[in-house]
Amino acid sequence: MIPDYQSLMLPLLQYAADGEEHSLRESIDALSESFHLSENDRMQLLPSGRQPVMDNRVGWARTYLAKAGLLEVTRRGHFRITDRGRDVLREKPESINVRYLERFPEFVSFRQLSRQPEGDDSKEGEESPNATPEELLEQSYEKLREALAAEILSRVMNASPAFFERLVVELLVRMGYGGSLQDAGRAIGKSGDDGIDGIIKEDRLGLDVIFVQAKRWQATVGRPEIQKFVGALQGQRARKGVFITTSGFSADAREYASRIDSKVVLIDGPQLAQFMMDFDLGVTPVASYQVKRLDSDYFAEE
């Protein structure tokens, strides 16, 4: 289990106790070893997929220790312990966390910049001790996506079959399949079964085709439906297929699809909603936020 960033503060300070200059990279590797993290633990990424969780947490532990004056940044990505840091280690604290660091004026000043709104006495360390600022931001983002996905599915289920047909066609085109909307619309045939069936181009040149079936269902799609789909796929001499449903697939259906010769992709309701959000179909941006980092090169004087 990956330790939270506050649990990493004391081990990181102890790692720097030799007084030597250390890089952030080597400290991440050393702490990963000391906490016996597996390779999977070390590779675990933040929800954005842009940074390993362990790297993020060690980075914030270093930032907080530096803001409290226990570590000093010597150059980009490098640090060493300070006299204050040595004094803290001589006290032999059982742990170092946000509350502990608030004894230092520099850290209090740093915290004032990101303090909770007035009237809210909660503190970041107490509210979510396992989360760094990036993790808190990404967790909030994921919660917003989950709520929006549920709303999307609800609206799709209440829409007409004709609307669902247009939705699937437009989504596939936005994802790069089917050529133009006009091409895809012609290729998809109406089944009258609250869904659509047909063949679309895999790319704009039509070098290969994909057989599509979509069902606006509430019941779980089982193996028999997938077997029928595969039969239709073979009947159309198509090697690839996409089965889209607003509900879900049984474990047996997924297992069957995974071991047949034809390439069949199963997209359930939650995945459909995620794709709609990712490709801006049926949703509109409300606000955007940029997370920026300091450009150390800009401040480097010749």
Protein backbone atom coordinates (compact mmCIF):
# COMPACT_ATOMS: atom_id res chain seq x y z
CA MET A 1 0.00 0.00 0.00
CA ILE A 2 1.34 3.42 -0.96
CA PRO A 3 1.79 5.64 2.13
CA ASP A 4 0.09 9.05 2.15
CA TYR A 5 2.23 12.15 1.77
CA GLN A 6 2.14 13.01 5.47
CA SER A 7 3.39 9.54 6.39
CA LEU A 8 6.31 10.16 4.03
CA MET A 9 7.48 13.37 5.70
CA LEU A 10 9.50 11.86 8.54
CA PRO A 11 11.06 9.06 6.42
CA LEU A 12 12.06 11.65 3.80
CA LEU A 13 13.66 13.89 6.41
CA GLN A 14 15.47 10.89 7.89
CA TYR A 15 16.68 9.95 4.42
CA ALA A 16 18.23 13.41 4.09
CA ALA A 17 19.83 13.24 7.54
CA ASP A 18 23.28 12.51 6.08
CA GLY A 19 23.51 16.13 4.99
CA GLU A 20 24.26 15.24 1.39
CA GLU A 21 22.43 16.67 -1.61
CA HIS A 22 19.77 14.24 -2.84
CA SER A 23 17.66 14.18 -5.96
CA LEU A 24 13.92 13.76 -5.78
CA ARG A 25 14.19 10.74 -8.08
CA GLU A 26 16.60 8.85 -5.85
CA SER A 27 14.57 9.70 -2.76
CA ILE A 28 11.43 8.28 -4.40
CA ASP A 29 13.28 5.06 -5.21
CA ALA A 30 14.78 4.83 -1.70
CA LEU A 31 11.45 5.38 0.07
CA SER A 32 9.72 2.93 -2.27
CA GLU A 33 12.27 0.33 -1.19
CA SER A 34 11.92 1.14 2.51
CA PHE A 35 8.13 0.80 2.32
CA HIS A 36 8.49 -2.44 0.31
CA LEU A 37 6.33 -1.19 -2.53
CA SER A 38 5.73 -3.62 -5.35
CA GLU A 39 6.34 -2.76 -8.99
CA ASN A 40 2.59 -2.34 -9.44
CA ASP A 41 2.50 0.09 -6.51
CA ARG A 42 5.29 2.14 -8.05
CA MET A 43 3.55 2.22 -11.43
CA GLN A 44 0.14 3.22 -10.02
CA LEU A 45 -0.86 6.53 -11.59
CA LEU A 46 -3.05 9.44 -10.55
CA PRO A 47 -6.49 9.40 -12.22
CA SER A 48 -5.16 11.76 -14.90
CA GLY A 49 -2.50 9.18 -15.81
CA ARG A 50 0.16 11.87 -15.88
CA GLN A 51 2.21 11.02 -12.80
CA PRO A 52 2.85 8.03 -10.50
CA VAL A 53 1.07 8.34 -7.16
CA MET A 54 4.28 7.69 -5.20
CA ASP A 55 6.18 10.38 -7.12
CA ASN A 56 3.39 12.86 -6.43
CA ARG A 57 3.26 12.11 -2.71
CA VAL A 58 7.02 12.22 -2.15
CA GLY A 59 7.12 15.47 -4.11
CA TRP A 60 4.53 17.07 -1.86
CA ALA A 61 6.22 15.73 1.29
CA ARG A 62 9.41 17.46 0.13
CA THR A 63 7.52 20.67 -0.69
CA TYR A 64 5.91 20.83 2.75
CA LEU A 65 9.19 20.09 4.55
CA ALA A 66 10.90 22.77 2.50
CA LYS A 67 8.16 25.32 3.23
CA ALA A 68 8.67 24.61 6.94
CA GLY A 69 12.42 25.13 6.58
CA LEU A 70 13.41 21.53 7.33
CA LEU A 71 14.74 20.97 3.83
CA GLU A 72 16.24 23.39 1.34
CA VAL A 73 15.98 23.17 -2.44
CA THR A 74 19.55 23.34 -3.75
CA ARG A 75 18.77 23.19 -7.46
CA ARG A 76 16.10 21.83 -9.73
CA GLY A 77 14.90 18.46 -8.42
CA HIS A 78 17.51 18.39 -5.59
CA PHE A 79 17.45 19.15 -1.88
CA ARG A 80 19.31 18.72 1.41
CA ILE A 81 18.48 18.89 5.10
CA THR A 82 18.79 22.18 7.00
CA ASP A 83 19.94 22.89 10.55
CA ARG A 84 16.28 23.16 11.55
CA GLY A 85 15.67 19.77 10.00
CA ARG A 86 18.49 18.28 12.07
CA ASP A 87 17.03 19.86 15.21
CA VAL A 88 13.67 18.24 14.47
CA LEU A 89 15.29 14.82 14.06
CA ARG A 90 17.06 15.25 17.41
CA GLU A 91 13.61 15.56 18.99
CA LYS A 92 12.89 12.05 17.68
CA PRO A 93 9.25 12.74 16.72
CA GLU A 94 7.03 9.73 16.18
CA SER A 95 5.73 11.34 13.00
CA ILE A 96 5.71 14.61 11.08
CA ASN A 97 2.48 15.88 9.58
CA VAL A 98 0.76 19.13 8.66
CA ARG A 99 -0.20 19.86 12.26
CA TYR A 100 3.40 19.33 13.39
CA LEU A 101 4.74 21.68 10.72
CA GLU A 102 2.40 24.47 11.80
CA ARG A 103 4.82 25.28 14.63
CA PHE A 104 7.03 26.97 12.03
CA PRO A 105 6.02 30.53 10.94
CA GLU A 106 7.17 30.02 7.34
CA PHE A 107 4.90 27.05 6.96
CA VAL A 108 1.95 28.92 8.51
CA SER A 109 2.48 31.71 5.99
CA PHE A 110 2.57 29.17 3.17
CA ARG A 111 -0.66 27.62 4.42
CA GLN A 112 -2.38 30.99 4.55
CA LEU A 113 -2.19 31.09 0.75
CA SER A 114 -4.38 27.99 0.45
CA ARG A 115 -6.48 28.24 3.59
CA GLN A 116 -10.09 27.04 3.53
CA PRO A 117 -12.81 29.71 3.09
CA GLU A 118 -13.55 31.77 6.19
CA GLY A 119 -15.92 30.05 8.57
CA ASP A 120 -14.65 26.59 7.58
CA ASP A 121 -12.37 25.40 10.36
CA SER A 122 -11.49 22.14 8.63
CA LYS A 123 -7.89 21.59 7.65
CA GLU A 124 -6.56 19.79 4.62
CA GLY A 125 -4.54 17.34 6.66
CA GLU A 126 -7.49 16.42 8.85
CA GLU A 127 -10.04 16.43 6.05
CA SER A 128 -8.18 14.08 3.74
CA PRO A 129 -4.84 12.95 5.21
CA ASN A 130 -4.16 10.53 2.37
CA ALA A 131 -4.52 13.03 -0.47
CA THR A 132 -2.09 15.53 -1.95
CA PRO A 133 -3.53 18.71 -3.53
CA GLU A 134 -3.40 17.10 -6.97
CA GLU A 135 -5.17 14.01 -5.67
CA LEU A 136 -7.89 16.13 -4.06
CA LEU A 137 -8.40 17.99 -7.33
CA GLU A 138 -8.53 14.81 -9.38
CA GLN A 139 -10.83 13.07 -6.89
CA SER A 140 -13.26 15.99 -7.14
CA TYR A 141 -13.01 15.84 -10.93
CA GLU A 142 -13.78 12.12 -10.93
CA LYS A 143 -16.81 12.68 -8.68
CA LEU A 144 -18.11 15.29 -11.11
CA ARG A 145 -17.63 12.88 -14.01
CA GLU A 146 -19.44 10.08 -12.15
CA ALA A 147 -22.41 12.34 -11.42
CA LEU A 148 -22.52 13.56 -15.03
CA ALA A 149 -22.26 9.99 -16.36
CA ALA A 150 -25.28 8.95 -14.29
CA GLU A 151 -27.23 11.93 -15.61
CA ILE A 152 -26.24 11.15 -19.20
CA LEU A 153 -27.39 7.53 -18.93
CA SER A 154 -30.68 8.59 -17.41
CA ARG A 155 -31.38 10.95 -20.31
CA VAL A 156 -30.33 8.35 -22.88
CA MET A 157 -32.69 5.78 -21.37
CA ASN A 158 -35.57 8.25 -21.57
CA ALA A 159 -34.81 9.24 -25.17
CA SER A 160 -36.54 7.79 -28.20
CA PRO A 161 -35.04 4.87 -30.20
CA ALA A 162 -34.47 7.26 -33.12
CA PHE A 163 -32.52 9.64 -30.89
CA PHE A 164 -30.43 6.76 -29.54
CA GLU A 165 -29.66 5.70 -33.11
CA ARG A 166 -28.42 9.18 -33.99
CA LEU A 167 -26.41 9.33 -30.78
CA VAL A 168 -24.53 6.10 -31.52
CA VAL A 169 -23.83 7.11 -35.11
CA GLU A 170 -22.50 10.52 -34.07
CA LEU A 171 -20.37 9.05 -31.29
CA LEU A 172 -18.74 6.54 -33.61
CA VAL A 173 -17.98 9.27 -36.15
CA ARG A 174 -16.48 11.51 -33.46
CA MET A 175 -14.31 8.59 -32.40
CA GLY A 176 -12.98 8.39 -35.95
CA TYR A 177 -15.12 5.59 -37.38
CA GLY A 178 -17.76 5.53 -40.11
CA GLY A 179 -16.37 8.31 -42.27
CA SER A 180 -18.81 11.23 -42.30
CA LEU A 181 -22.12 11.43 -40.46
CA GLN A 182 -23.87 11.01 -43.81
CA ASP A 183 -21.82 7.89 -44.65
CA ALA A 184 -22.40 6.36 -41.23
CA GLY A 185 -26.09 7.22 -41.29
CA ARG A 186 -26.54 5.38 -44.59
CA ALA A 187 -24.58 2.37 -43.37
CA ILE A 188 -26.65 1.90 -40.24
CA GLY A 189 -29.94 0.14 -40.78
CA LYS A 190 -33.02 0.48 -38.61
CA SER A 191 -33.94 -2.65 -36.69
CA GLY A 192 -37.00 -1.35 -34.85
CA ASP A 193 -35.68 -3.02 -31.69
CA ASP A 194 -34.73 0.07 -29.67
CA GLY A 195 -31.31 -0.28 -31.21
CA ILE A 196 -29.40 -0.24 -34.46
CA ASP A 197 -27.58 -2.78 -36.56
CA GLY A 198 -25.32 -2.24 -39.52
CA ILE A 199 -21.86 -2.00 -40.99
CA ILE A 200 -19.74 1.13 -40.96
CA LYS A 201 -16.28 1.99 -42.24
CA GLU A 202 -13.41 1.50 -39.83
CA ASP A 203 -11.73 4.54 -41.39
CA ARG A 204 -12.56 7.23 -43.92
CA LEU A 205 -11.08 5.19 -46.77
CA GLY A 206 -13.20 2.17 -45.97
CA LEU A 207 -10.21 -0.19 -45.83
CA ASP A 208 -12.09 -2.31 -43.32
CA VAL A 209 -15.59 -2.41 -41.86
CA ILE A 210 -17.07 -2.76 -38.39
CA PHE A 211 -20.41 -4.37 -37.60
CA VAL A 212 -22.38 -2.40 -35.03
CA GLN A 213 -25.22 -3.37 -32.76
CA ALA A 214 -26.63 -1.13 -30.06
CA LYS A 215 -29.40 -1.85 -27.60
CA ARG A 216 -31.11 0.63 -25.31
CA TRP A 217 -31.75 -1.90 -22.57
CA GLN A 218 -32.07 -1.94 -18.82
CA ALA A 219 -31.57 -5.70 -18.49
CA THR A 220 -28.08 -7.19 -18.49
CA VAL A 221 -26.93 -8.43 -21.89
CA GLY A 222 -26.06 -12.12 -21.65
CA ARG A 223 -24.02 -14.53 -23.71
CA PRO A 224 -26.88 -15.53 -26.08
CA GLU A 225 -27.15 -11.96 -27.38
CA ILE A 226 -23.41 -11.82 -28.01
CA GLN A 227 -23.56 -15.16 -29.83
CA LYS A 228 -26.31 -13.81 -32.09
CA PHE A 229 -24.21 -10.75 -32.74
CA VAL A 230 -21.17 -12.83 -33.66
CA GLY A 231 -23.32 -14.86 -36.03
CA ALA A 232 -24.52 -11.67 -37.70
CA LEU A 233 -20.92 -10.50 -37.86
CA GLN A 234 -19.87 -13.64 -39.71
CA GLY A 235 -22.89 -13.38 -41.99
CA GLN A 236 -21.73 -9.92 -43.06
CA ARG A 237 -18.16 -11.23 -43.58
CA ALA A 238 -16.94 -8.73 -41.02
CA ARG A 239 -14.09 -9.50 -38.65
CA LYS A 240 -14.71 -6.70 -36.19
CA GLY A 241 -17.74 -5.65 -34.22
CA VAL A 242 -18.92 -3.25 -31.54
CA PHE A 243 -21.84 -4.07 -29.28
CA ILE A 244 -23.15 -1.06 -27.39
CA THR A 245 -25.72 -1.21 -24.60
CA THR A 246 -27.07 1.25 -22.07
CA SER A 247 -27.05 -1.50 -19.43
CA GLY A 248 -24.24 -3.98 -18.79
CA PHE A 249 -22.84 -7.35 -19.85
CA SER A 250 -22.83 -10.54 -17.86
CA ALA A 251 -19.49 -12.09 -16.91
CA ASP A 252 -20.30 -15.02 -19.21
CA ALA A 253 -20.88 -12.64 -22.13
CA ARG A 254 -17.58 -10.87 -21.56
CA GLU A 255 -15.71 -14.15 -21.21
CA TYR A 256 -17.21 -15.44 -24.47
CA ALA A 257 -16.32 -12.25 -26.35
CA SER A 258 -12.75 -12.40 -25.10
CA ARG A 259 -12.00 -15.86 -26.51
CA ILE A 260 -13.62 -15.87 -29.96
CA ASP A 261 -11.63 -15.35 -33.15
CA SER A 262 -13.55 -12.24 -34.20
CA LYS A 263 -12.61 -8.98 -32.53
CA VAL A 264 -15.69 -7.88 -30.61
CA VAL A 265 -15.67 -4.80 -28.37
CA LEU A 266 -18.34 -4.55 -25.68
CA ILE A 267 -19.33 -1.06 -24.54
CA ASP A 268 -21.67 -0.91 -21.54
CA GLY A 269 -23.67 2.02 -20.22
CA PRO A 270 -20.97 3.55 -17.98
CA GLN A 271 -18.40 3.30 -20.80
CA LEU A 272 -20.87 4.85 -23.25
CA ALA A 273 -21.31 7.81 -20.91
CA GLN A 274 -17.54 8.15 -20.48
CA PHE A 275 -17.03 8.18 -24.26
CA MET A 276 -19.73 10.81 -24.64
CA MET A 277 -17.94 13.02 -22.12
CA ASP A 278 -14.51 12.39 -23.65
CA PHE A 279 -15.73 13.27 -27.14
CA ASP A 280 -17.99 16.16 -26.06
CA LEU A 281 -21.23 14.56 -27.22
CA GLY A 282 -24.31 15.76 -25.35
CA VAL A 283 -22.20 17.72 -22.86
CA THR A 284 -20.84 21.24 -22.79
CA PRO A 285 -17.83 22.66 -20.90
CA VAL A 286 -18.70 24.83 -17.90
CA ALA A 287 -15.23 25.75 -16.62
CA SER A 288 -11.64 24.74 -17.14
CA TYR A 289 -8.67 24.93 -14.81
CA GLN A 290 -4.99 24.79 -15.63
CA VAL A 291 -2.61 23.26 -13.09
CA LYS A 292 0.76 24.95 -13.49
CA ARG A 293 4.23 24.26 -12.13
CA LEU A 294 7.13 26.60 -11.53
CA ASP A 295 9.45 26.98 -14.52
CA SER A 296 12.84 26.65 -12.80
CA ASP A 297 14.68 27.35 -16.04
CA TYR A 298 13.15 30.84 -16.19
CA PHE A 299 14.61 31.78 -12.82
CA ALA A 300 18.07 30.27 -13.52
CA GLU A 301 20.56 33.13 -13.87
CA GLU A 302 23.61 32.69 -16.05
